[in-house]
Amino acid sequence: MARRTFDVVDIIEILVHWHAGRNNTEIAASLNVDRKTVRKYVVAAEAAGMARGGPPLGEAEWDAKVRQWFPELADTRLRQVTWPAIELYHEFIREQLQAGSPSRRSISGCATSTAWR
């Protein structure tokens, strides 16, 4: 199964099914996700003291919980682990673009040169 990016609404859907009493295998099959993915998000709900079949929650309540448990879903910058490494070269890239570097290819070719290190 290919890797995919989840948004808050995707996780809410998983948790609503789980909270309604469905097991992880059923949820995975109906939403076309891996059982380990379902388990990842269910474990967070269980760790927070929630249980299958509890009183129903509204979408706003689920949204708040998912954003609290998985802040990287709410702030996509937290998912971009390479950005801090690229940030070191931000000024160099800006200078090259302002200087009218001929193409992206010439900049990407610099990735292996010592100018980037």
C-alpha atoms as a PDB file:
ATOM      1  CA  MET A   1       0.000   0.000   0.000  1.00  0.00           C
ATOM      2  CA  ALA A   2       1.397   3.392  -0.942  1.00  0.00           C
ATOM      3  CA  ARG A   3       2.286   5.975   1.662  1.00  0.00           C
ATOM      4  CA  ARG A   4      -0.225   8.786   1.933  1.00  0.00           C
ATOM      5  CA  THR A   5      -0.572  11.982   3.891  1.00  0.00           C
ATOM      6  CA  PHE A   6      -3.369  12.234   6.407  1.00  0.00           C
ATOM      7  CA  ASP A   7      -5.258  15.359   7.309  1.00  0.00           C
ATOM      8  CA  VAL A   8      -7.179  16.037  10.499  1.00  0.00           C
ATOM      9  CA  VAL A   9     -10.483  15.049   8.832  1.00  0.00           C
ATOM     10  CA  ASP A  10      -9.031  11.649   7.849  1.00  0.00           C
ATOM     11  CA  ILE A  11      -8.020  10.908  11.419  1.00  0.00           C
ATOM     12  CA  ILE A  12     -11.377  12.091  12.723  1.00  0.00           C
ATOM     13  CA  GLU A  13     -13.081   9.626  10.391  1.00  0.00           C
ATOM     14  CA  ILE A  14     -10.944   6.767  11.709  1.00  0.00           C
ATOM     15  CA  LEU A  15     -11.645   7.727  15.312  1.00  0.00           C
ATOM     16  CA  VAL A  16     -15.391   8.197  14.800  1.00  0.00           C
ATOM     17  CA  HIS A  17     -15.620   4.667  13.391  1.00  0.00           C
ATOM     18  CA  TRP A  18     -13.548   3.333  16.278  1.00  0.00           C
ATOM     19  CA  HIS A  19     -15.556   5.226  18.862  1.00  0.00           C
ATOM     20  CA  ALA A  20     -18.766   3.818  17.351  1.00  0.00           C
ATOM     21  CA  GLY A  21     -17.513   0.322  18.185  1.00  0.00           C
ATOM     22  CA  ARG A  22     -15.943  -0.947  14.962  1.00  0.00           C
ATOM     23  CA  ASN A  23     -12.734  -2.935  15.243  1.00  0.00           C
ATOM     24  CA  ASN A  24      -9.477  -1.891  13.593  1.00  0.00           C
ATOM     25  CA  THR A  25      -9.722  -4.470  10.809  1.00  0.00           C
ATOM     26  CA  GLU A  26     -13.200  -3.270   9.817  1.00  0.00           C
ATOM     27  CA  ILE A  27     -12.107   0.359   9.891  1.00  0.00           C
ATOM     28  CA  ALA A  28      -9.010  -0.360   7.794  1.00  0.00           C
ATOM     29  CA  ALA A  29     -11.036  -2.244   5.187  1.00  0.00           C
ATOM     30  CA  SER A  30     -13.817   0.327   4.909  1.00  0.00           C
ATOM     31  CA  LEU A  31     -11.480   3.357   4.743  1.00  0.00           C
ATOM     32  CA  ASN A  32      -8.815   1.639   2.642  1.00  0.00           C
ATOM     33  CA  VAL A  33      -5.976   2.226   5.095  1.00  0.00           C
ATOM     34  CA  ASP A  34      -3.558  -0.166   6.739  1.00  0.00           C
ATOM     35  CA  ARG A  35      -4.517  -1.690  10.110  1.00  0.00           C
ATOM     36  CA  LYS A  36      -1.257  -0.357  11.592  1.00  0.00           C
ATOM     37  CA  THR A  37      -2.288   3.144  10.569  1.00  0.00           C
ATOM     38  CA  VAL A  38      -5.648   2.721  12.286  1.00  0.00           C
ATOM     39  CA  ARG A  39      -3.892   1.357  15.374  1.00  0.00           C
ATOM     40  CA  LYS A  40      -1.503   4.343  15.448  1.00  0.00           C
ATOM     41  CA  TYR A  41      -4.390   6.779  15.812  1.00  0.00           C
ATOM     42  CA  VAL A  42      -6.530   4.576  18.064  1.00  0.00           C
ATOM     43  CA  VAL A  43      -3.631   4.154  20.506  1.00  0.00           C
ATOM     44  CA  ALA A  44      -3.513   7.928  20.995  1.00  0.00           C
ATOM     45  CA  ALA A  45      -7.234   8.019  21.810  1.00  0.00           C
ATOM     46  CA  GLU A  46      -6.878   5.127  24.252  1.00  0.00           C
ATOM     47  CA  ALA A  47      -3.848   6.776  25.878  1.00  0.00           C
ATOM     48  CA  ALA A  48      -6.014   9.840  26.455  1.00  0.00           C
ATOM     49  CA  GLY A  49      -8.499   7.668  28.371  1.00  0.00           C
ATOM     50  CA  MET A  50     -11.095   7.247  25.653  1.00  0.00           C
ATOM     51  CA  ALA A  51     -12.797   3.922  25.055  1.00  0.00           C
ATOM     52  CA  ARG A  52     -14.702   2.334  22.208  1.00  0.00           C
ATOM     53  CA  GLY A  53     -18.430   2.986  22.472  1.00  0.00           C
ATOM     54  CA  GLY A  54     -18.286   6.038  24.737  1.00  0.00           C
ATOM     55  CA  PRO A  55     -20.674   8.968  24.500  1.00  0.00           C
ATOM     56  CA  PRO A  56     -20.672  10.490  20.997  1.00  0.00           C
ATOM     57  CA  LEU A  57     -18.515  13.525  20.312  1.00  0.00           C
ATOM     58  CA  GLY A  58     -19.155  16.319  17.842  1.00  0.00           C
ATOM     59  CA  GLU A  59     -16.814  17.083  14.963  1.00  0.00           C
ATOM     60  CA  ALA A  60     -15.428  20.158  16.745  1.00  0.00           C
ATOM     61  CA  GLU A  61     -14.527  18.053  19.790  1.00  0.00           C
ATOM     62  CA  TRP A  62     -12.800  15.454  17.638  1.00  0.00           C
ATOM     63  CA  ASP A  63     -10.991  18.185  15.734  1.00  0.00           C
ATOM     64  CA  ALA A  64      -9.612  19.676  18.947  1.00  0.00           C
ATOM     65  CA  LYS A  65      -8.494  16.283  20.249  1.00  0.00           C
ATOM     66  CA  VAL A  66      -6.775  15.249  17.002  1.00  0.00           C
ATOM     67  CA  ARG A  67      -4.975  18.584  16.761  1.00  0.00           C
ATOM     68  CA  GLN A  68      -3.788  18.157  20.344  1.00  0.00           C
ATOM     69  CA  TRP A  69      -2.648  14.539  19.898  1.00  0.00           C
ATOM     70  CA  PHE A  70      -1.096  15.073  16.445  1.00  0.00           C
ATOM     71  CA  PRO A  71       0.102  18.693  16.106  1.00  0.00           C
ATOM     72  CA  GLU A  72       2.009  17.833  12.918  1.00  0.00           C
ATOM     73  CA  LEU A  73      -1.355  17.372  11.184  1.00  0.00           C
ATOM     74  CA  ALA A  74      -2.480  20.875  12.095  1.00  0.00           C
ATOM     75  CA  ASP A  75       0.837  22.564  11.340  1.00  0.00           C
ATOM     76  CA  THR A  76       2.288  21.015   8.184  1.00  0.00           C
ATOM     77  CA  ARG A  77       5.624  22.713   8.817  1.00  0.00           C
ATOM     78  CA  LEU A  78       6.214  20.147  11.561  1.00  0.00           C
ATOM     79  CA  ARG A  79       6.083  17.366   8.932  1.00  0.00           C
ATOM     80  CA  GLN A  80       8.803  18.932   6.803  1.00  0.00           C
ATOM     81  CA  VAL A  81      11.829  17.572   8.561  1.00  0.00           C
ATOM     82  CA  THR A  82      14.181  18.631   5.770  1.00  0.00           C
ATOM     83  CA  TRP A  83      13.266  22.311   5.979  1.00  0.00           C
ATOM     84  CA  PRO A  84      15.729  23.117   8.775  1.00  0.00           C
ATOM     85  CA  ALA A  85      18.541  21.643   6.658  1.00  0.00           C
ATOM     86  CA  ILE A  86      17.464  23.622   3.595  1.00  0.00           C
ATOM     87  CA  GLU A  87      17.064  26.781   5.655  1.00  0.00           C
ATOM     88  CA  LEU A  88      20.841  26.959   6.001  1.00  0.00           C
ATOM     89  CA  TYR A  89      20.973  27.779   2.276  1.00  0.00           C
ATOM     90  CA  HIS A  90      17.974  30.101   2.129  1.00  0.00           C
ATOM     91  CA  GLU A  91      20.028  33.261   1.740  1.00  0.00           C
ATOM     92  CA  PHE A  92      22.300  31.689  -0.891  1.00  0.00           C
ATOM     93  CA  ILE A  93      19.287  30.564  -2.929  1.00  0.00           C
ATOM     94  CA  ARG A  94      17.710  34.007  -2.644  1.00  0.00           C
ATOM     95  CA  GLU A  95      20.917  35.660  -3.851  1.00  0.00           C
ATOM     96  CA  GLN A  96      21.175  33.273  -6.792  1.00  0.00           C
ATOM     97  CA  LEU A  97      17.579  33.915  -7.809  1.00  0.00           C
ATOM     98  CA  GLN A  98      18.007  37.689  -7.534  1.00  0.00           C
ATOM     99  CA  ALA A  99      21.218  37.497  -9.543  1.00  0.00           C
ATOM    100  CA  GLY A 100      19.272  35.846 -12.323  1.00  0.00           C
ATOM    101  CA  SER A 101      20.783  32.386 -12.235  1.00  0.00           C
ATOM    102  CA  PRO A 102      20.089  30.778 -15.607  1.00  0.00           C
ATOM    103  CA  SER A 103      17.962  27.866 -14.425  1.00  0.00           C
ATOM    104  CA  ARG A 104      16.861  25.699 -11.560  1.00  0.00           C
ATOM    105  CA  ARG A 105      19.068  22.992 -12.961  1.00  0.00           C
ATOM    106  CA  SER A 106      22.176  25.067 -12.312  1.00  0.00           C
ATOM    107  CA  ILE A 107      21.106  25.620  -8.702  1.00  0.00           C
ATOM    108  CA  SER A 108      20.194  21.965  -8.130  1.00  0.00           C
ATOM    109  CA  GLY A 109      23.542  20.996  -9.649  1.00  0.00           C
ATOM    110  CA  CYS A 110      25.194  22.943  -6.844  1.00  0.00           C
ATOM    111  CA  ALA A 111      23.798  20.535  -4.284  1.00  0.00           C
ATOM    112  CA  THR A 112      26.872  18.374  -4.638  1.00  0.00           C
ATOM    113  CA  SER A 113      29.328  21.263  -4.793  1.00  0.00           C
ATOM    114  CA  THR A 114      31.203  22.688  -1.837  1.00  0.00           C
ATOM    115  CA  ALA A 115      29.252  25.954  -2.128  1.00  0.00           C
ATOM    116  CA  TRP A 116      26.339  24.213  -0.435  1.00  0.00           C
ATOM    117  CA  ARG A 117      28.308  22.798   2.448  1.00  0.00           C
END
